[in-house]
Amino acid sequence: MIKLIIFLLVGYFALKSIRSLLGTGSRTNLSGGRGEADQIDNLMVQDLNCQTYISKRDAIQAVQNGRTLYFCSTQCRDTYLADS
């Protein structure tokens, strides 16, 4: 029984070492499988009104003169658009 446990442990660490060398380790994809598109959505953008940074995915968007602008809240968006 002890030999079996030792054999399994050695096999586990050997497999883990091989994966590490090949670059295919057990990395968890926290993005839910969306890949590159999710990485783009997670970029930080600056609110033009209050200067805070928010993720592009969570930002409130507005288009002005063909340019997409990003805001942390509808209040910041409305204030910025009223002033410009």
N, C-alpha and C. Protein backbone atom coordinates (compact mmCIF):
# COMPACT_ATOMS: atom_id res chain seq x y z
N MET A 1 0.83 -1.20 0.00
CA MET A 1 0.00 0.00 0.00
C MET A 1 0.87 1.25 0.00
N ILE A 2 1.91 1.26 0.81
CA ILE A 2 2.80 2.42 0.87
C ILE A 2 3.52 2.59 -0.46
N LYS A 3 3.89 1.49 -1.10
CA LYS A 3 4.55 1.57 -2.40
C LYS A 3 3.63 2.22 -3.44
N LEU A 4 2.36 1.91 -3.39
CA LEU A 4 1.39 2.49 -4.32
C LEU A 4 1.27 4.00 -4.10
N ILE A 5 1.21 4.43 -2.86
CA ILE A 5 1.11 5.86 -2.55
C ILE A 5 2.35 6.58 -3.02
N ILE A 6 3.53 6.01 -2.76
CA ILE A 6 4.79 6.62 -3.20
C ILE A 6 4.83 6.69 -4.73
N PHE A 7 4.40 5.62 -5.39
CA PHE A 7 4.38 5.58 -6.84
C PHE A 7 3.46 6.67 -7.41
N LEU A 8 2.29 6.84 -6.82
CA LEU A 8 1.36 7.87 -7.27
C LEU A 8 1.91 9.27 -7.05
N LEU A 9 2.55 9.48 -5.91
CA LEU A 9 3.15 10.80 -5.64
C LEU A 9 4.27 11.12 -6.62
N VAL A 10 5.13 10.15 -6.89
CA VAL A 10 6.22 10.36 -7.83
C VAL A 10 5.65 10.65 -9.22
N GLY A 11 4.64 9.90 -9.62
CA GLY A 11 4.01 10.13 -10.92
C GLY A 11 3.37 11.51 -11.02
N TYR A 12 2.71 11.92 -9.94
CA TYR A 12 2.08 13.23 -9.92
C TYR A 12 3.11 14.35 -10.10
N PHE A 13 4.20 14.27 -9.34
CA PHE A 13 5.22 15.32 -9.43
C PHE A 13 5.95 15.27 -10.76
N ALA A 14 6.12 14.08 -11.33
CA ALA A 14 6.74 13.97 -12.65
C ALA A 14 5.85 14.62 -13.70
N LEU A 15 4.57 14.35 -13.66
CA LEU A 15 3.63 14.97 -14.60
C LEU A 15 3.59 16.48 -14.44
N LYS A 16 3.59 16.94 -13.21
CA LYS A 16 3.58 18.37 -12.94
C LYS A 16 4.85 19.04 -13.48
N SER A 17 5.99 18.38 -13.33
CA SER A 17 7.26 18.92 -13.84
C SER A 17 7.25 18.98 -15.36
N ILE A 18 6.74 17.95 -16.00
CA ILE A 18 6.69 17.93 -17.46
C ILE A 18 5.77 19.03 -17.98
N ARG A 19 4.62 19.20 -17.35
CA ARG A 19 3.71 20.29 -17.76
C ARG A 19 4.35 21.65 -17.59
N SER A 20 5.09 21.81 -16.50
CA SER A 20 5.77 23.09 -16.24
C SER A 20 6.80 23.36 -17.33
N LEU A 21 7.56 22.35 -17.71
CA LEU A 21 8.58 22.52 -18.75
C LEU A 21 7.97 22.82 -20.11
N LEU A 22 6.83 22.24 -20.39
CA LEU A 22 6.17 22.45 -21.68
C LEU A 22 5.32 23.71 -21.71
N GLY A 23 5.12 24.32 -20.56
CA GLY A 23 4.32 25.53 -20.51
C GLY A 23 2.83 25.28 -20.54
N THR A 24 2.41 24.07 -20.24
CA THR A 24 0.99 23.74 -20.24
C THR A 24 0.52 23.38 -18.84
N GLY A 25 1.01 24.12 -17.87
CA GLY A 25 0.65 23.85 -16.48
C GLY A 25 -0.83 24.05 -16.23
N SER A 26 -1.25 23.79 -15.05
CA SER A 26 -2.68 23.87 -14.73
C SER A 26 -3.07 25.30 -14.40
N ARG A 27 -3.06 26.15 -15.42
CA ARG A 27 -3.47 27.54 -15.23
C ARG A 27 -4.98 27.62 -15.33
N THR A 28 -5.56 28.33 -14.43
CA THR A 28 -7.01 28.50 -14.45
C THR A 28 -7.35 29.72 -15.26
N ASN A 29 -8.26 29.58 -16.18
CA ASN A 29 -8.74 30.70 -16.98
C ASN A 29 -9.90 31.34 -16.24
N LEU A 30 -9.63 32.45 -15.56
CA LEU A 30 -10.65 33.10 -14.75
C LEU A 30 -11.62 33.91 -15.60
N SER A 31 -11.33 34.03 -16.87
CA SER A 31 -12.18 34.86 -17.72
C SER A 31 -13.42 34.14 -18.21
N GLY A 32 -13.61 32.90 -17.81
CA GLY A 32 -14.78 32.18 -18.26
C GLY A 32 -14.67 31.67 -19.68
N GLY A 33 -13.44 31.56 -20.17
CA GLY A 33 -13.23 30.98 -21.49
C GLY A 33 -13.36 31.97 -22.62
N ARG A 34 -13.44 33.24 -22.36
CA ARG A 34 -13.61 34.21 -23.44
C ARG A 34 -12.29 34.61 -24.07
N GLY A 35 -11.18 34.36 -23.39
CA GLY A 35 -9.87 34.57 -23.98
C GLY A 35 -9.51 36.03 -24.20
N GLU A 36 -8.98 36.30 -25.40
CA GLU A 36 -8.44 37.62 -25.72
C GLU A 36 -9.49 38.73 -25.64
N ALA A 37 -10.70 38.45 -26.04
CA ALA A 37 -11.75 39.47 -25.97
C ALA A 37 -11.98 39.91 -24.54
N ASP A 38 -11.90 38.97 -23.60
CA ASP A 38 -12.09 39.31 -22.19
C ASP A 38 -10.93 40.16 -21.68
N GLN A 39 -9.72 39.87 -22.14
CA GLN A 39 -8.57 40.66 -21.73
C GLN A 39 -8.72 42.10 -22.18
N ILE A 40 -9.25 42.31 -23.37
CA ILE A 40 -9.47 43.66 -23.87
C ILE A 40 -10.52 44.37 -23.02
N ASP A 41 -11.59 43.65 -22.66
CA ASP A 41 -12.63 44.24 -21.83
C ASP A 41 -12.14 44.59 -20.44
N ASN A 42 -11.09 43.92 -19.97
CA ASN A 42 -10.57 44.17 -18.63
C ASN A 42 -9.55 45.29 -18.60
N LEU A 43 -9.26 45.91 -19.71
CA LEU A 43 -8.34 47.05 -19.72
C LEU A 43 -8.91 48.17 -18.86
N MET A 44 -8.03 48.89 -18.22
CA MET A 44 -8.47 50.02 -17.40
C MET A 44 -8.53 51.27 -18.27
N VAL A 45 -9.60 52.01 -18.13
CA VAL A 45 -9.79 53.26 -18.85
C VAL A 45 -10.06 54.36 -17.82
N GLN A 46 -9.72 55.58 -18.20
CA GLN A 46 -9.88 56.69 -17.26
C GLN A 46 -11.17 57.46 -17.54
N ASP A 47 -11.89 57.70 -16.47
CA ASP A 47 -13.09 58.53 -16.54
C ASP A 47 -12.63 59.96 -16.83
N LEU A 48 -13.16 60.57 -17.86
CA LEU A 48 -12.73 61.91 -18.26
C LEU A 48 -13.24 63.00 -17.32
N ASN A 49 -14.24 62.69 -16.52
CA ASN A 49 -14.79 63.69 -15.61
C ASN A 49 -14.07 63.69 -14.27
N CYS A 50 -14.05 62.55 -13.59
CA CYS A 50 -13.47 62.50 -12.24
C CYS A 50 -12.08 61.89 -12.20
N GLN A 51 -11.55 61.48 -13.35
CA GLN A 51 -10.19 60.97 -13.50
C GLN A 51 -9.93 59.62 -12.81
N THR A 52 -10.96 58.91 -12.38
CA THR A 52 -10.75 57.59 -11.80
C THR A 52 -10.60 56.56 -12.91
N TYR A 53 -10.02 55.43 -12.57
CA TYR A 53 -9.85 54.34 -13.53
C TYR A 53 -10.87 53.25 -13.25
N ILE A 54 -11.48 52.74 -14.31
CA ILE A 54 -12.43 51.64 -14.20
C ILE A 54 -12.13 50.65 -15.32
N SER A 55 -12.60 49.43 -15.16
CA SER A 55 -12.40 48.45 -16.23
C SER A 55 -13.31 48.83 -17.40
N LYS A 56 -12.82 48.61 -18.59
CA LYS A 56 -13.57 48.95 -19.79
C LYS A 56 -14.91 48.23 -19.81
N ARG A 57 -14.93 47.01 -19.27
CA ARG A 57 -16.15 46.20 -19.24
C ARG A 57 -17.23 46.85 -18.37
N ASP A 58 -16.83 47.47 -17.25
CA ASP A 58 -17.79 48.02 -16.31
C ASP A 58 -18.12 49.49 -16.55
N ALA A 59 -17.40 50.11 -17.46
CA ALA A 59 -17.56 51.55 -17.68
C ALA A 59 -18.88 51.87 -18.40
N ILE A 60 -19.39 53.06 -18.10
CA ILE A 60 -20.53 53.61 -18.81
C ILE A 60 -19.96 54.29 -20.06
N GLN A 61 -20.52 53.97 -21.22
CA GLN A 61 -19.98 54.50 -22.47
C GLN A 61 -20.84 55.61 -23.04
N ALA A 62 -20.16 56.51 -23.73
CA ALA A 62 -20.84 57.55 -24.49
C ALA A 62 -20.02 57.78 -25.75
N VAL A 63 -20.68 58.12 -26.83
CA VAL A 63 -19.98 58.40 -28.08
C VAL A 63 -20.12 59.88 -28.37
N GLN A 64 -18.98 60.54 -28.59
CA GLN A 64 -18.98 61.97 -28.87
C GLN A 64 -18.03 62.21 -30.04
N ASN A 65 -18.53 62.79 -31.10
CA ASN A 65 -17.74 63.05 -32.31
C ASN A 65 -17.07 61.78 -32.83
N GLY A 66 -17.77 60.65 -32.78
CA GLY A 66 -17.26 59.40 -33.29
C GLY A 66 -16.25 58.70 -32.37
N ARG A 67 -16.02 59.26 -31.21
CA ARG A 67 -15.05 58.71 -30.25
C ARG A 67 -15.81 58.14 -29.05
N THR A 68 -15.45 56.92 -28.65
CA THR A 68 -16.10 56.30 -27.49
C THR A 68 -15.41 56.78 -26.22
N LEU A 69 -16.21 57.30 -25.31
CA LEU A 69 -15.72 57.80 -24.03
C LEU A 69 -16.21 56.87 -22.92
N TYR A 70 -15.44 56.76 -21.84
CA TYR A 70 -15.78 55.85 -20.76
C TYR A 70 -15.88 56.61 -19.43
N PHE A 71 -16.89 56.24 -18.64
CA PHE A 71 -17.15 56.91 -17.37
C PHE A 71 -17.46 55.90 -16.28
N CYS A 72 -17.21 56.30 -15.04
CA CYS A 72 -17.46 55.39 -13.91
C CYS A 72 -18.93 55.36 -13.52
N SER A 73 -19.69 56.40 -13.88
CA SER A 73 -21.10 56.45 -13.52
C SER A 73 -21.86 57.31 -14.53
N THR A 74 -23.16 57.17 -14.50
CA THR A 74 -23.97 58.00 -15.39
C THR A 74 -23.89 59.47 -14.98
N GLN A 75 -23.71 59.73 -13.70
CA GLN A 75 -23.58 61.11 -13.23
C GLN A 75 -22.32 61.76 -13.82
N CYS A 76 -21.19 61.04 -13.79
CA CYS A 76 -19.96 61.57 -14.38
C CYS A 76 -20.12 61.77 -15.88
N ARG A 77 -20.79 60.82 -16.53
CA ARG A 77 -21.01 60.94 -17.97
C ARG A 77 -21.85 62.18 -18.30
N ASP A 78 -22.95 62.35 -17.58
CA ASP A 78 -23.84 63.47 -17.85
C ASP A 78 -23.16 64.79 -17.55
N THR A 79 -22.37 64.86 -16.48
CA THR A 79 -21.67 66.10 -16.13
C THR A 79 -20.66 66.45 -17.21
N TYR A 80 -19.89 65.46 -17.65
CA TYR A 80 -18.87 65.69 -18.68
C TYR A 80 -19.52 66.16 -20.00
N LEU A 81 -20.56 65.47 -20.40
CA LEU A 81 -21.22 65.82 -21.67
C LEU A 81 -21.89 67.19 -21.61
N ALA A 82 -22.40 67.57 -20.44
CA ALA A 82 -23.02 68.88 -20.29
C ALA A 82 -21.97 70.00 -20.36
N ASP A 83 -20.78 69.72 -19.84
CA ASP A 83 -19.71 70.72 -19.82
C ASP A 83 -18.95 70.83 -21.14
N SER A 84 -19.08 69.84 -22.00
CA SER A 84 -18.28 69.89 -23.23
C SER A 84 -19.10 70.30 -24.44
